[in-house]
Amino acid sequence: MQQTRLGRTTQYNQLALAVDLIAERIRAFGAPAPGSSWMLRSLLA
């Protein structure tokens, strides 16, 4: 159980970092970045 939680925590942290990096790139182009990963996902669909 502990390993499962650790794995999920690691995945969550990696995903959060990726979303932050994508938001920074979007802002670098002068566009407003989405406020959540859900909003980002809706823009990509």
Protein backbone atom coordinates (compact mmCIF):
# COMPACT_ATOMS: atom_id res chain seq x y z
CA MET A 1 0.00 0.00 0.00
CA GLN A 2 2.83 2.37 0.86
CA GLN A 3 4.49 1.79 -2.52
CA THR A 4 1.23 2.51 -4.33
CA ARG A 5 0.84 5.81 -2.50
CA LEU A 6 4.46 6.74 -3.17
CA GLY A 7 4.02 5.94 -6.87
CA ARG A 8 0.90 8.05 -7.12
CA THR A 9 2.54 10.92 -5.28
CA THR A 10 5.48 10.78 -7.68
CA GLN A 11 3.16 10.77 -10.69
CA TYR A 12 1.15 13.67 -9.29
CA ASN A 13 4.29 15.73 -8.70
CA GLN A 14 5.60 15.01 -12.19
CA LEU A 15 2.26 15.96 -13.74
CA ALA A 16 2.09 19.18 -11.73
CA LEU A 17 5.59 20.13 -12.87
CA ALA A 18 4.71 19.39 -16.51
CA VAL A 19 1.55 21.53 -16.30
CA ASP A 20 3.57 24.40 -14.80
CA LEU A 21 6.14 24.20 -17.60
CA ILE A 22 3.43 24.18 -20.27
CA ALA A 23 1.75 27.19 -18.65
CA GLU A 24 5.06 29.07 -18.65
CA ARG A 25 5.50 28.36 -22.35
CA ILE A 26 1.99 29.57 -23.11
CA ARG A 27 2.60 32.79 -21.15
CA ALA A 28 5.89 33.27 -23.01
CA PHE A 29 3.84 33.61 -26.20
CA GLY A 30 1.79 36.33 -24.53
CA ALA A 31 -1.38 34.28 -24.13
CA PRO A 32 -3.17 33.74 -20.84
CA ALA A 33 -2.37 30.31 -19.44
CA PRO A 34 -5.18 28.03 -18.30
CA GLY A 35 -5.68 27.97 -14.54
CA SER A 36 -5.89 24.20 -14.17
CA SER A 37 -4.93 20.98 -15.92
CA TRP A 38 -8.65 20.48 -16.71
CA MET A 39 -8.76 23.82 -18.53
CA LEU A 40 -5.57 22.95 -20.40
CA ARG A 41 -7.00 19.60 -21.44
CA SER A 42 -10.17 21.26 -22.77
CA LEU A 43 -8.05 23.56 -24.97
CA LEU A 44 -6.18 20.61 -26.46
CA ALA A 45 -9.29 18.62 -27.37
